[in-house]
Amino acid sequence: MFEIASVSLLLALTLIIARAILGPSVFDRTQAVNTAGTVAMLLLAVVGFLTGRPDFLDIAIIYGLLNVIGTIAVLKFFRHGDLGDPGYEYEDGKQTTNRGSS
C-alpha cells in the first residue's frame, strides 16, 4: 500500500517539476517549487515509514518548515526587490537611522 503511495508521489513530483520548468510566470514557478517541496516532504515521511526509520519524519518536518520560509522569502524578494530594509538612510554622506520622525 505504501509502495503505491511512494510511486504516486514520485509521479506527482515529476509532473510538478515539469510545471516548474514550463511555468509561464515567476509566481507559477514559485508555486510549483513550493508544491514540489511539500510532495518531497510527504515522500520522505513515506520512505521513513517503509524503512522503519522514524527519524525521517523529523527530517521531513524540518524540510517542510524550510520550504515555507524559503517560499515566503522568494515571494518577498520578487515583490519588493530585496529581503529587508536595514533601516539606514544616508544624508550628505552621513549614515543616520530611520527610526521614526524627530
Protein backbone atom coordinates (compact mmCIF):
# COMPACT_ATOMS: atom_id res chain seq x y z
CA MET A 1 0.00 0.00 0.00
CA PHE A 2 2.75 2.47 0.93
CA GLU A 3 4.76 1.38 -2.08
CA ILE A 4 1.90 2.54 -4.31
CA ALA A 5 1.81 5.83 -2.42
CA SER A 6 5.52 6.38 -2.93
CA VAL A 7 5.28 5.64 -6.67
CA SER A 8 2.32 8.04 -6.93
CA LEU A 9 4.28 10.73 -5.11
CA LEU A 10 7.22 10.24 -7.47
CA LEU A 11 4.90 10.57 -10.46
CA ALA A 12 3.38 13.73 -8.99
CA LEU A 13 6.85 15.09 -8.32
CA THR A 14 7.90 14.65 -11.95
CA LEU A 15 4.75 16.43 -13.14
CA ILE A 16 5.33 19.26 -10.67
CA ILE A 17 8.94 19.68 -11.78
CA ALA A 18 7.76 19.82 -15.40
CA ARG A 19 5.33 22.56 -14.37
CA ALA A 20 8.12 24.45 -12.63
CA ILE A 21 10.21 24.37 -15.80
CA LEU A 22 7.35 25.27 -18.16
CA GLY A 23 5.51 27.76 -15.93
CA PRO A 24 4.53 30.95 -17.77
CA SER A 25 5.30 33.31 -14.88
CA VAL A 26 7.62 33.53 -11.91
CA PHE A 27 4.75 33.04 -9.48
CA ASP A 28 3.63 29.83 -11.23
CA ARG A 29 7.17 28.51 -10.96
CA THR A 30 7.39 29.52 -7.30
CA GLN A 31 4.12 27.74 -6.55
CA ALA A 32 5.35 24.63 -8.37
CA VAL A 33 8.60 24.62 -6.38
CA ASN A 34 6.64 25.02 -3.14
CA THR A 35 4.39 22.12 -4.12
CA ALA A 36 7.43 20.03 -5.04
CA GLY A 37 8.83 20.68 -1.58
CA THR A 38 5.57 19.55 0.00
CA VAL A 39 5.49 16.37 -2.08
CA ALA A 40 9.15 15.71 -1.25
CA MET A 41 8.27 16.08 2.43
CA LEU A 42 5.48 13.52 2.05
CA LEU A 43 7.84 11.22 0.16
CA LEU A 44 10.38 11.46 2.98
CA ALA A 45 7.70 10.51 5.50
CA VAL A 46 6.55 7.52 3.42
CA VAL A 47 10.09 6.28 2.84
CA GLY A 48 10.80 6.63 6.56
CA PHE A 49 7.74 4.54 7.33
CA LEU A 50 8.67 1.89 4.74
CA THR A 51 12.22 1.54 6.03
CA GLY A 52 11.21 1.65 9.69
CA ARG A 53 13.21 4.79 10.45
CA PRO A 54 11.11 7.33 12.36
CA ASP A 55 13.89 9.93 12.23
CA PHE A 56 12.96 10.55 8.58
CA LEU A 57 9.74 12.13 9.86
CA ASP A 58 11.76 14.68 11.83
CA ILE A 59 13.75 15.49 8.71
CA ALA A 60 10.51 15.84 6.74
CA ILE A 61 9.09 18.29 9.29
CA ILE A 62 12.24 20.43 9.22
CA TYR A 63 12.24 20.34 5.42
CA GLY A 64 8.61 21.48 5.39
CA LEU A 65 9.39 24.44 7.66
CA LEU A 66 12.35 25.45 5.49
CA ASN A 67 10.12 25.12 2.42
CA VAL A 68 7.58 27.59 3.82
CA ILE A 69 10.24 30.09 4.92
CA GLY A 70 12.04 29.84 1.58
CA THR A 71 8.85 30.39 -0.39
CA ILE A 72 7.96 33.47 1.65
CA ALA A 73 11.48 34.85 1.16
CA VAL A 74 11.38 34.30 -2.62
CA LEU A 75 7.96 35.93 -2.95
CA LYS A 76 9.05 38.90 -0.81
CA PHE A 77 12.16 39.30 -2.95
CA PHE A 78 10.15 39.31 -6.19
CA ARG A 79 7.62 41.77 -4.81
CA HIS A 80 9.92 44.27 -3.09
CA GLY A 81 13.27 43.69 -4.78
CA ASP A 82 15.08 42.98 -1.52
CA LEU A 83 14.58 40.90 1.60
CA GLY A 84 14.50 43.73 4.08
CA ASP A 85 15.25 47.33 4.83
CA PRO A 86 18.26 47.74 7.12
CA GLY A 87 16.75 50.95 8.47
CA TYR A 88 19.60 53.28 7.50
CA GLU A 89 19.46 56.39 5.37
CA TYR A 90 22.36 58.38 4.02
CA GLU A 91 22.19 62.15 4.17
CA ASP A 92 25.16 64.14 2.88
CA GLY A 93 27.36 61.06 3.09
CA LYS A 94 26.48 60.53 6.75
CA GLN A 95 24.62 57.46 7.94
CA THR A 96 21.50 58.09 10.05
CA THR A 97 18.89 55.73 11.45
CA ASN A 98 15.40 55.69 10.03
CA ARG A 99 13.54 55.09 13.28
CA GLY A 100 10.57 57.41 13.14
CA SER A 101 10.48 61.15 12.66
CA SER A 102 12.13 63.62 15.03
